[in-house]
């Protein structure tokens, strides 16, 4: 018989990440009440959402502990999406004025 040991999950870490996600949710809601432009609000909320997506992917989907996925690919992808969203917003605002 083989005796395999399984790692006991650290629930404290998950609770801290969950609390941080709730804080980011509150921050995203609070940003909508700030006296800045709608474009600025949208970009800030999009950035907060990308941070939340990275946290969920890394910790709750356990991508942080995978060996076959380079960590830079996980870390760079949200910034790629942010740049793509910024480009689409820029093009959308440009086409409105035509």
PDB file of N, CA and C in Angstrom:
ATOM      1  N   UNK A   1       0.830  -1.190   0.000  1.00  0.00           N
ATOM      2  CA  UNK A   1       0.000   0.000   0.000  1.00  0.00           C
ATOM      3  C   UNK A   1       0.868   1.244   0.000  1.00  0.00           C
ATOM      4  N   UNK A   2       0.479   2.169  -0.799  1.00  0.00           N
ATOM      5  CA  UNK A   2       1.209   3.426  -0.818  1.00  0.00           C
ATOM      6  C   UNK A   2       0.489   4.432   0.074  1.00  0.00           C
ATOM      7  N   UNK A   3       1.254   5.169   0.764  1.00  0.00           N
ATOM      8  CA  UNK A   3       0.673   6.209   1.618  1.00  0.00           C
ATOM      9  C   UNK A   3       1.008   7.552   1.002  1.00  0.00           C
ATOM     10  N   UNK A   4       0.061   8.076   0.286  1.00  0.00           N
ATOM     11  CA  UNK A   4       0.247   9.375  -0.339  1.00  0.00           C
ATOM     12  C   UNK A   4      -0.199  10.456   0.634  1.00  0.00           C
ATOM     13  N   UNK A   5       0.572  11.493   0.693  1.00  0.00           N
ATOM     14  CA  UNK A   5       0.194  12.618   1.545  1.00  0.00           C
ATOM     15  C   UNK A   5      -0.320  13.736   0.660  1.00  0.00           C
ATOM     16  N   UNK A   6      -1.377  14.317   1.090  1.00  0.00           N
ATOM     17  CA  UNK A   6      -1.957  15.442   0.376  1.00  0.00           C
ATOM     18  C   UNK A   6      -1.735  16.699   1.197  1.00  0.00           C
ATOM     19  N   UNK A   7      -1.453  17.754   0.505  1.00  0.00           N
ATOM     20  CA  UNK A   7      -1.245  19.027   1.191  1.00  0.00           C
ATOM     21  C   UNK A   7      -2.572  19.521   1.752  1.00  0.00           C
ATOM     22  N   UNK A   8      -2.530  19.946   2.974  1.00  0.00           N
ATOM     23  CA  UNK A   8      -3.723  20.500   3.602  1.00  0.00           C
ATOM     24  C   UNK A   8      -3.857  21.937   3.138  1.00  0.00           C
ATOM     25  N   UNK A   9      -5.020  22.296   2.582  1.00  0.00           N
ATOM     26  CA  UNK A   9      -5.170  23.674   2.096  1.00  0.00           C
ATOM     27  C   UNK A   9      -5.107  24.672   3.244  1.00  0.00           C
ATOM     28  N   UNK A  10      -4.509  25.799   2.959  1.00  0.00           N
ATOM     29  CA  UNK A  10      -4.405  26.871   3.936  1.00  0.00           C
ATOM     30  C   UNK A  10      -5.630  27.775   3.776  1.00  0.00           C
ATOM     31  N   UNK A  11      -6.647  27.514   4.581  1.00  0.00           N
ATOM     32  CA  UNK A  11      -7.891  28.266   4.447  1.00  0.00           C
ATOM     33  C   UNK A  11      -7.727  29.724   4.855  1.00  0.00           C
ATOM     34  N   UNK A  12      -6.761  30.011   5.704  1.00  0.00           N
ATOM     35  CA  UNK A  12      -6.517  31.396   6.094  1.00  0.00           C
ATOM     36  C   UNK A  12      -6.130  32.255   4.909  1.00  0.00           C
ATOM     37  N   UNK A  13      -5.299  31.693   4.021  1.00  0.00           N
ATOM     38  CA  UNK A  13      -4.883  32.430   2.822  1.00  0.00           C
ATOM     39  C   UNK A  13      -6.086  32.694   1.918  1.00  0.00           C
ATOM     40  N   UNK A  14      -6.968  31.693   1.777  1.00  0.00           N
ATOM     41  CA  UNK A  14      -8.155  31.871   0.957  1.00  0.00           C
ATOM     42  C   UNK A  14      -9.082  32.934   1.537  1.00  0.00           C
ATOM     43  N   UNK A  15      -9.178  32.986   2.846  1.00  0.00           N
ATOM     44  CA  UNK A  15     -10.018  34.008   3.478  1.00  0.00           C
ATOM     45  C   UNK A  15      -9.445  35.405   3.279  1.00  0.00           C
ATOM     46  N   UNK A  16      -8.125  35.514   3.332  1.00  0.00           N
ATOM     47  CA  UNK A  16      -7.484  36.817   3.101  1.00  0.00           C
ATOM     48  C   UNK A  16      -7.714  37.261   1.659  1.00  0.00           C
ATOM     49  N   UNK A  17      -7.554  36.341   0.701  1.00  0.00           N
ATOM     50  CA  UNK A  17      -7.790  36.677  -0.708  1.00  0.00           C
ATOM     51  C   UNK A  17      -9.254  37.046  -0.920  1.00  0.00           C
ATOM     52  N   UNK A  18     -10.158  36.305  -0.287  1.00  0.00           N
ATOM     53  CA  UNK A  18     -11.591  36.599  -0.408  1.00  0.00           C
ATOM     54  C   UNK A  18     -11.902  37.993   0.152  1.00  0.00           C
ATOM     55  N   UNK A  19     -11.329  38.325   1.316  1.00  0.00           N
ATOM     56  CA  UNK A  19     -11.542  39.651   1.897  1.00  0.00           C
ATOM     57  C   UNK A  19     -10.985  40.738   0.984  1.00  0.00           C
ATOM     58  N   UNK A  20      -9.838  40.468   0.357  1.00  0.00           N
ATOM     59  CA  UNK A  20      -9.263  41.432  -0.569  1.00  0.00           C
ATOM     60  C   UNK A  20     -10.159  41.609  -1.788  1.00  0.00           C
ATOM     61  N   UNK A  21     -10.763  40.519  -2.275  1.00  0.00           N
ATOM     62  CA  UNK A  21     -11.698  40.612  -3.398  1.00  0.00           C
ATOM     63  C   UNK A  21     -12.930  41.435  -3.020  1.00  0.00           C
ATOM     64  N   UNK A  22     -13.425  41.259  -1.803  1.00  0.00           N
ATOM     65  CA  UNK A  22     -14.570  42.049  -1.342  1.00  0.00           C
ATOM     66  C   UNK A  22     -14.179  43.531  -1.241  1.00  0.00           C
ATOM     67  N   UNK A  23     -12.958  43.796  -0.763  1.00  0.00           N
ATOM     68  CA  UNK A  23     -12.493  45.183  -0.680  1.00  0.00           C
ATOM     69  C   UNK A  23     -12.366  45.806  -2.076  1.00  0.00           C
ATOM     70  N   UNK A  24     -11.889  45.032  -3.039  1.00  0.00           N
ATOM     71  CA  UNK A  24     -11.803  45.544  -4.414  1.00  0.00           C
ATOM     72  C   UNK A  24     -13.191  45.772  -5.011  1.00  0.00           C
ATOM     73  N   UNK A  25     -14.145  44.926  -4.647  1.00  0.00           N
ATOM     74  CA  UNK A  25     -15.528  45.136  -5.085  1.00  0.00           C
ATOM     75  C   UNK A  25     -16.064  46.460  -4.529  1.00  0.00           C
ATOM     76  N   UNK A  26     -15.808  46.709  -3.247  1.00  0.00           N
ATOM     77  CA  UNK A  26     -16.249  47.966  -2.639  1.00  0.00           C
ATOM     78  C   UNK A  26     -15.533  49.157  -3.272  1.00  0.00           C
ATOM     79  N   UNK A  27     -14.253  48.995  -3.579  1.00  0.00           N
ATOM     80  CA  UNK A  27     -13.504  50.085  -4.214  1.00  0.00           C
ATOM     81  C   UNK A  27     -14.055  50.387  -5.600  1.00  0.00           C
ATOM     82  N   UNK A  28     -14.401  49.345  -6.348  1.00  0.00           N
ATOM     83  CA  UNK A  28     -14.982  49.558  -7.672  1.00  0.00           C
ATOM     84  C   UNK A  28     -16.325  50.256  -7.602  1.00  0.00           C
ATOM     85  N   UNK A  29     -17.095  49.931  -6.589  1.00  0.00           N
ATOM     86  CA  UNK A  29     -18.382  50.600  -6.404  1.00  0.00           C
ATOM     87  C   UNK A  29     -18.177  52.049  -5.985  1.00  0.00           C
ATOM     88  N   UNK A  30     -17.212  52.285  -5.102  1.00  0.00           N
ATOM     89  CA  UNK A  30     -16.935  53.634  -4.621  1.00  0.00           C
ATOM     90  C   UNK A  30     -16.427  54.535  -5.746  1.00  0.00           C
ATOM     91  N   UNK A  31     -15.664  53.977  -6.660  1.00  0.00           N
ATOM     92  CA  UNK A  31     -15.085  54.767  -7.759  1.00  0.00           C
ATOM     93  C   UNK A  31     -16.180  55.403  -8.608  1.00  0.00           C
ATOM     94  N   UNK A  32     -17.301  54.720  -8.739  1.00  0.00           N
ATOM     95  CA  UNK A  32     -18.370  55.260  -9.589  1.00  0.00           C
ATOM     96  C   UNK A  32     -18.964  56.549  -9.029  1.00  0.00           C
ATOM     97  N   UNK A  33     -18.724  56.839  -7.754  1.00  0.00           N
ATOM     98  CA  UNK A  33     -19.230  58.069  -7.145  1.00  0.00           C
ATOM     99  C   UNK A  33     -18.218  59.212  -7.153  1.00  0.00           C
ATOM    100  N   UNK A  34     -17.012  58.974  -7.647  1.00  0.00           N
ATOM    101  CA  UNK A  34     -15.991  60.021  -7.675  1.00  0.00           C
ATOM    102  C   UNK A  34     -16.284  61.030  -8.785  1.00  0.00           C
ATOM    103  N   UNK A  35     -15.923  62.289  -8.561  1.00  0.00           N
ATOM    104  CA  UNK A  35     -16.200  63.318  -9.572  1.00  0.00           C
ATOM    105  C   UNK A  35     -15.142  63.340 -10.680  1.00  0.00           C
ATOM    106  N   UNK A  36     -15.046  62.262 -11.433  1.00  0.00           N
ATOM    107  CA  UNK A  36     -14.131  62.209 -12.575  1.00  0.00           C
ATOM    108  C   UNK A  36     -14.931  61.785 -13.800  1.00  0.00           C
ATOM    109  N   UNK A  37     -14.277  61.831 -14.942  1.00  0.00           N
ATOM    110  CA  UNK A  37     -14.986  61.548 -16.189  1.00  0.00           C
ATOM    111  C   UNK A  37     -15.429  60.081 -16.256  1.00  0.00           C
ATOM    112  N   UNK A  38     -16.398  59.833 -17.105  1.00  0.00           N
ATOM    113  CA  UNK A  38     -16.888  58.457 -17.259  1.00  0.00           C
ATOM    114  C   UNK A  38     -15.810  57.532 -17.811  1.00  0.00           C
ATOM    115  N   UNK A  39     -14.982  58.067 -18.683  1.00  0.00           N
ATOM    116  CA  UNK A  39     -13.896  57.262 -19.231  1.00  0.00           C
ATOM    117  C   UNK A  39     -12.905  56.888 -18.136  1.00  0.00           C
ATOM    118  N   UNK A  40     -12.582  57.837 -17.286  1.00  0.00           N
ATOM    119  CA  UNK A  40     -11.685  57.556 -16.162  1.00  0.00           C
ATOM    120  C   UNK A  40     -12.262  56.532 -15.216  1.00  0.00           C
ATOM    121  N   UNK A  41     -13.555  56.658 -14.920  1.00  0.00           N
ATOM    122  CA  UNK A  41     -14.219  55.691 -14.047  1.00  0.00           C
ATOM    123  C   UNK A  41     -14.187  54.305 -14.673  1.00  0.00           C
ATOM    124  N   UNK A  42     -14.467  54.232 -15.973  1.00  0.00           N
ATOM    125  CA  UNK A  42     -14.473  52.936 -16.653  1.00  0.00           C
ATOM    126  C   UNK A  42     -13.091  52.300 -16.644  1.00  0.00           C
ATOM    127  N   UNK A  43     -12.054  53.087 -16.863  1.00  0.00           N
ATOM    128  CA  UNK A  43     -10.699  52.538 -16.862  1.00  0.00           C
ATOM    129  C   UNK A  43     -10.271  52.079 -15.483  1.00  0.00           C
ATOM    130  N   UNK A  44     -10.634  52.833 -14.455  1.00  0.00           N
ATOM    131  CA  UNK A  44     -10.287  52.434 -13.088  1.00  0.00           C
ATOM    132  C   UNK A  44     -11.015  51.150 -12.704  1.00  0.00           C
ATOM    133  N   UNK A  45     -12.304  51.081 -13.010  1.00  0.00           N
ATOM    134  CA  UNK A  45     -13.067  49.875 -12.690  1.00  0.00           C
ATOM    135  C   UNK A  45     -12.544  48.684 -13.490  1.00  0.00           C
ATOM    136  N   UNK A  46     -12.138  48.906 -14.743  1.00  0.00           N
ATOM    137  CA  UNK A  46     -11.569  47.838 -15.543  1.00  0.00           C
ATOM    138  C   UNK A  46     -10.250  47.351 -14.939  1.00  0.00           C
ATOM    139  N   UNK A  47      -9.430  48.259 -14.475  1.00  0.00           N
ATOM    140  CA  UNK A  47      -8.176  47.875 -13.822  1.00  0.00           C
ATOM    141  C   UNK A  47      -8.416  47.074 -12.556  1.00  0.00           C
ATOM    142  N   UNK A  48      -9.395  47.505 -11.756  1.00  0.00           N
ATOM    143  CA  UNK A  48      -9.741  46.764 -10.541  1.00  0.00           C
ATOM    144  C   UNK A  48     -10.245  45.372 -10.901  1.00  0.00           C
ATOM    145  N   UNK A  49     -11.041  45.284 -11.947  1.00  0.00           N
ATOM    146  CA  UNK A  49     -11.554  43.982 -12.383  1.00  0.00           C
ATOM    147  C   UNK A  49     -10.434  43.062 -12.856  1.00  0.00           C
ATOM    148  N   UNK A  50      -9.429  43.614 -13.513  1.00  0.00           N
ATOM    149  CA  UNK A  50      -8.305  42.797 -13.954  1.00  0.00           C
ATOM    150  C   UNK A  50      -7.499  42.267 -12.772  1.00  0.00           C
ATOM    151  N   UNK A  51      -7.352  43.067 -11.727  1.00  0.00           N
ATOM    152  CA  UNK A  51      -6.665  42.599 -10.520  1.00  0.00           C
ATOM    153  C   UNK A  51      -7.469  41.481  -9.872  1.00  0.00           C
ATOM    154  N   UNK A  52      -8.792  41.651  -9.804  1.00  0.00           N
ATOM    155  CA  UNK A  52      -9.639  40.601  -9.231  1.00  0.00           C
ATOM    156  C   UNK A  52      -9.562  39.330 -10.061  1.00  0.00           C
ATOM    157  N   UNK A  53      -9.540  39.453 -11.379  1.00  0.00           N
ATOM    158  CA  UNK A  53      -9.432  38.288 -12.248  1.00  0.00           C
ATOM    159  C   UNK A  53      -8.113  37.556 -12.026  1.00  0.00           C
ATOM    160  N   UNK A  54      -7.041  38.303 -11.895  1.00  0.00           N
ATOM    161  CA  UNK A  54      -5.740  37.683 -11.654  1.00  0.00           C
ATOM    162  C   UNK A  54      -5.720  36.956 -10.316  1.00  0.00           C
ATOM    163  N   UNK A  55      -6.302  37.553  -9.273  1.00  0.00           N
ATOM    164  CA  UNK A  55      -6.343  36.900  -7.964  1.00  0.00           C
ATOM    165  C   UNK A  55      -7.147  35.605  -8.008  1.00  0.00           C
ATOM    166  N   UNK A  56      -8.299  35.640  -8.646  1.00  0.00           N
ATOM    167  CA  UNK A  56      -9.119  34.432  -8.746  1.00  0.00           C
ATOM    168  C   UNK A  56      -8.389  33.359  -9.545  1.00  0.00           C
ATOM    169  N   UNK A  57      -7.783  33.739 -10.634  1.00  0.00           N
ATOM    170  CA  UNK A  57      -7.066  32.765 -11.453  1.00  0.00           C
ATOM    171  C   UNK A  57      -5.869  32.167 -10.736  1.00  0.00           C
ATOM    172  N   UNK A  58      -5.114  33.007 -10.048  1.00  0.00           N
ATOM    173  CA  UNK A  58      -3.905  32.525  -9.402  1.00  0.00           C
ATOM    174  C   UNK A  58      -4.192  31.672  -8.174  1.00  0.00           C
ATOM    175  N   UNK A  59      -5.137  32.096  -7.344  1.00  0.00           N
ATOM    176  CA  UNK A  59      -5.335  31.406  -6.076  1.00  0.00           C
ATOM    177  C   UNK A  59      -6.483  30.402  -6.104  1.00  0.00           C
ATOM    178  N   UNK A  60      -7.655  30.801  -6.565  1.00  0.00           N
ATOM    179  CA  UNK A  60      -8.796  29.894  -6.505  1.00  0.00           C
ATOM    180  C   UNK A  60      -8.775  28.856  -7.623  1.00  0.00           C
ATOM    181  N   UNK A  61      -8.156  29.182  -8.746  1.00  0.00           N
ATOM    182  CA  UNK A  61      -8.022  28.200  -9.821  1.00  0.00           C
ATOM    183  C   UNK A  61      -6.657  27.507  -9.755  1.00  0.00           C
ATOM    184  N   UNK A  62      -5.852  27.853  -8.750  1.00  0.00           N
ATOM    185  CA  UNK A  62      -4.563  27.215  -8.446  1.00  0.00           C
ATOM    186  C   UNK A  62      -3.546  27.335  -9.578  1.00  0.00           C
ATOM    187  N   UNK A  63      -3.625  28.386 -10.369  1.00  0.00           N
ATOM    188  CA  UNK A  63      -2.635  28.566 -11.430  1.00  0.00           C
ATOM    189  C   UNK A  63      -1.291  29.010 -10.877  1.00  0.00           C
ATOM    190  N   UNK A  64      -1.291  29.554  -9.673  1.00  0.00           N
ATOM    191  CA  UNK A  64      -0.037  29.981  -9.076  1.00  0.00           C
ATOM    192  C   UNK A  64       0.875  28.791  -8.802  1.00  0.00           C
ATOM    193  N   UNK A  65       0.295  27.643  -8.571  1.00  0.00           N
ATOM    194  CA  UNK A  65       1.069  26.479  -8.179  1.00  0.00           C
ATOM    195  C   UNK A  65       1.336  25.521  -9.342  1.00  0.00           C
ATOM    196  N   UNK A  66       0.885  25.859 -10.533  1.00  0.00           N
ATOM    197  CA  UNK A  66       1.111  25.005 -11.697  1.00  0.00           C
ATOM    198  C   UNK A  66       2.532  25.205 -12.213  1.00  0.00           C
ATOM    199  N   UNK A  67       3.136  24.135 -12.672  1.00  0.00           N
ATOM    200  CA  UNK A  67       4.509  24.211 -13.172  1.00  0.00           C
ATOM    201  C   UNK A  67       4.566  24.457 -14.681  1.00  0.00           C
ATOM    202  N   UNK A  68       3.541  24.064 -15.413  1.00  0.00           N
ATOM    203  CA  UNK A  68       3.615  24.164 -16.873  1.00  0.00           C
ATOM    204  C   UNK A  68       3.167  25.510 -17.412  1.00  0.00           C
ATOM    205  N   UNK A  69       2.610  26.367 -16.592  1.00  0.00           N
ATOM    206  CA  UNK A  69       2.214  27.698 -17.044  1.00  0.00           C
ATOM    207  C   UNK A  69       3.235  28.700 -16.505  1.00  0.00           C
ATOM    208  N   UNK A  70       3.957  29.358 -17.371  1.00  0.00           N
ATOM    209  CA  UNK A  70       4.901  30.373 -16.887  1.00  0.00           C
ATOM    210  C   UNK A  70       4.147  31.492 -16.161  1.00  0.00           C
ATOM    211  N   UNK A  71       4.653  31.877 -15.037  1.00  0.00           N
ATOM    212  CA  UNK A  71       3.972  32.875 -14.219  1.00  0.00           C
ATOM    213  C   UNK A  71       3.886  34.224 -14.940  1.00  0.00           C
ATOM    214  N   UNK A  72       4.853  34.505 -15.812  1.00  0.00           N
ATOM    215  CA  UNK A  72       4.793  35.782 -16.528  1.00  0.00           C
ATOM    216  C   UNK A  72       3.607  35.825 -17.474  1.00  0.00           C
ATOM    217  N   UNK A  73       3.186  34.673 -17.998  1.00  0.00           N
ATOM    218  CA  UNK A  73       2.032  34.656 -18.904  1.00  0.00           C
ATOM    219  C   UNK A  73       0.760  35.025 -18.150  1.00  0.00           C
ATOM    220  N   UNK A  74       0.661  34.567 -16.936  1.00  0.00           N
ATOM    221  CA  UNK A  74      -0.507  34.891 -16.120  1.00  0.00           C
ATOM    222  C   UNK A  74      -0.454  36.352 -15.673  1.00  0.00           C
ATOM    223  N   UNK A  75       0.735  36.841 -15.393  1.00  0.00           N
ATOM    224  CA  UNK A  75       0.877  38.213 -14.908  1.00  0.00           C
ATOM    225  C   UNK A  75       0.741  39.239 -16.024  1.00  0.00           C
ATOM    226  N   UNK A  76       1.136  38.901 -17.245  1.00  0.00           N
ATOM    227  CA  UNK A  76       1.120  39.848 -18.356  1.00  0.00           C
ATOM    228  C   UNK A  76      -0.253  39.927 -19.018  1.00  0.00           C
ATOM    229  N   UNK A  77      -1.003  38.838 -19.022  1.00  0.00           N
ATOM    230  CA  UNK A  77      -2.271  38.788 -19.738  1.00  0.00           C
ATOM    231  C   UNK A  77      -3.270  39.867 -19.294  1.00  0.00           C
ATOM    232  N   UNK A  78      -3.445  40.139 -17.975  1.00  0.00           N
ATOM    233  CA  UNK A  78      -4.371  41.223 -17.608  1.00  0.00           C
ATOM    234  C   UNK A  78      -3.964  42.581 -18.164  1.00  0.00           C
ATOM    235  N   UNK A  79      -2.664  42.847 -18.234  1.00  0.00           N
ATOM    236  CA  UNK A  79      -2.212  44.125 -18.796  1.00  0.00           C
ATOM    237  C   UNK A  79      -2.449  44.184 -20.303  1.00  0.00           C
ATOM    238  N   UNK A  80      -2.354  43.040 -20.973  1.00  0.00           N
ATOM    239  CA  UNK A  80      -2.702  42.977 -22.384  1.00  0.00           C
ATOM    240  C   UNK A  80      -4.176  43.320 -22.573  1.00  0.00           C
ATOM    241  N   UNK A  81      -5.033  42.754 -21.715  1.00  0.00           N
ATOM    242  CA  UNK A  81      -6.461  43.049 -21.814  1.00  0.00           C
ATOM    243  C   UNK A  81      -6.747  44.517 -21.513  1.00  0.00           C
ATOM    244  N   UNK A  82      -6.039  45.084 -20.558  1.00  0.00           N
ATOM    245  CA  UNK A  82      -6.210  46.498 -20.239  1.00  0.00           C
ATOM    246  C   UNK A  82      -5.809  47.370 -21.432  1.00  0.00           C
ATOM    247  N   UNK A  83      -4.707  47.041 -22.080  1.00  0.00           N
ATOM    248  CA  UNK A  83      -4.294  47.789 -23.258  1.00  0.00           C
ATOM    249  C   UNK A  83      -5.280  47.640 -24.403  1.00  0.00           C
ATOM    250  N   UNK A  84      -5.795  46.430 -24.594  1.00  0.00           N
ATOM    251  CA  UNK A  84      -6.782  46.202 -25.639  1.00  0.00           C
ATOM    252  C   UNK A  84      -8.060  46.981 -25.364  1.00  0.00           C
ATOM    253  N   UNK A  85      -8.500  46.989 -24.107  1.00  0.00           N
ATOM    254  CA  UNK A  85      -9.701  47.750 -23.756  1.00  0.00           C
ATOM    255  C   UNK A  85      -9.474  49.244 -23.953  1.00  0.00           C
ATOM    256  N   UNK A  86      -8.293  49.737 -23.573  1.00  0.00           N
ATOM    257  CA  UNK A  86      -7.981  51.146 -23.790  1.00  0.00           C
ATOM    258  C   UNK A  86      -7.980  51.511 -25.263  1.00  0.00           C
ATOM    259  N   UNK A  87      -7.437  50.614 -26.086  1.00  0.00           N
ATOM    260  CA  UNK A  87      -7.439  50.847 -27.530  1.00  0.00           C
ATOM    261  C   UNK A  87      -8.864  50.872 -28.071  1.00  0.00           C
ATOM    262  N   UNK A  88      -9.701  49.948 -27.633  1.00  0.00           N
ATOM    263  CA  UNK A  88     -11.086  49.921 -28.102  1.00  0.00           C
ATOM    264  C   UNK A  88     -11.864  51.150 -27.643  1.00  0.00           C
ATOM    265  N   UNK A  89     -11.613  51.596 -26.432  1.00  0.00           N
ATOM    266  CA  UNK A  89     -12.279  52.819 -25.951  1.00  0.00           C
ATOM    267  C   UNK A  89     -11.809  54.016 -26.776  1.00  0.00           C
ATOM    268  N   UNK A  90     -10.503  54.090 -27.043  1.00  0.00           N
ATOM    269  CA  UNK A  90      -9.974  55.190 -27.851  1.00  0.00           C
ATOM    270  C   UNK A  90     -10.586  55.192 -29.243  1.00  0.00           C
ATOM    271  N   UNK A  91     -10.648  54.023 -29.875  1.00  0.00           N
ATOM    272  CA  UNK A  91     -11.244  53.945 -31.210  1.00  0.00           C
ATOM    273  C   UNK A  91     -12.736  54.273 -31.168  1.00  0.00           C
ATOM    274  N   UNK A  92     -13.416  53.828 -30.138  1.00  0.00           N
ATOM    275  CA  UNK A  92     -14.838  54.127 -30.005  1.00  0.00           C
ATOM    276  C   UNK A  92     -15.083  55.614 -29.852  1.00  0.00           C
ATOM    277  N   UNK A  93     -14.265  56.276 -29.035  1.00  0.00           N
ATOM    278  CA  UNK A  93     -14.433  57.727 -28.862  1.00  0.00           C
ATOM    279  C   UNK A  93     -14.051  58.469 -30.134  1.00  0.00           C
ATOM    280  N   UNK A  94     -13.093  57.949 -30.884  1.00  0.00           N
ATOM    281  CA  UNK A  94     -12.705  58.586 -32.142  1.00  0.00           C
ATOM    282  C   UNK A  94     -13.815  58.477 -33.159  1.00  0.00           C
ATOM    283  N   UNK A  95     -14.454  57.329 -33.246  1.00  0.00           N
ATOM    284  CA  UNK A  95     -15.507  57.131 -34.232  1.00  0.00           C
ATOM    285  C   UNK A  95     -16.772  57.902 -33.885  1.00  0.00           C
ATOM    286  N   UNK A  96     -16.983  58.234 -32.626  1.00  0.00           N
ATOM    287  CA  UNK A  96     -18.158  59.018 -32.233  1.00  0.00           C
ATOM    288  C   UNK A  96     -18.089  60.416 -32.833  1.00  0.00           C
ATOM    289  N   UNK A  97     -16.879  60.965 -32.912  1.00  0.00           N
ATOM    290  CA  UNK A  97     -16.713  62.345 -33.393  1.00  0.00           C
ATOM    291  C   UNK A  97     -16.659  62.454 -34.908  1.00  0.00           C
ATOM    292  N   UNK A  98     -16.704  61.363 -35.608  1.00  0.00           N
ATOM    293  CA  UNK A  98     -16.637  61.419 -37.084  1.00  0.00           C
ATOM    294  C   UNK A  98     -17.998  61.688 -37.650  1.00  0.00           C
TER     295      UNK A  98
END
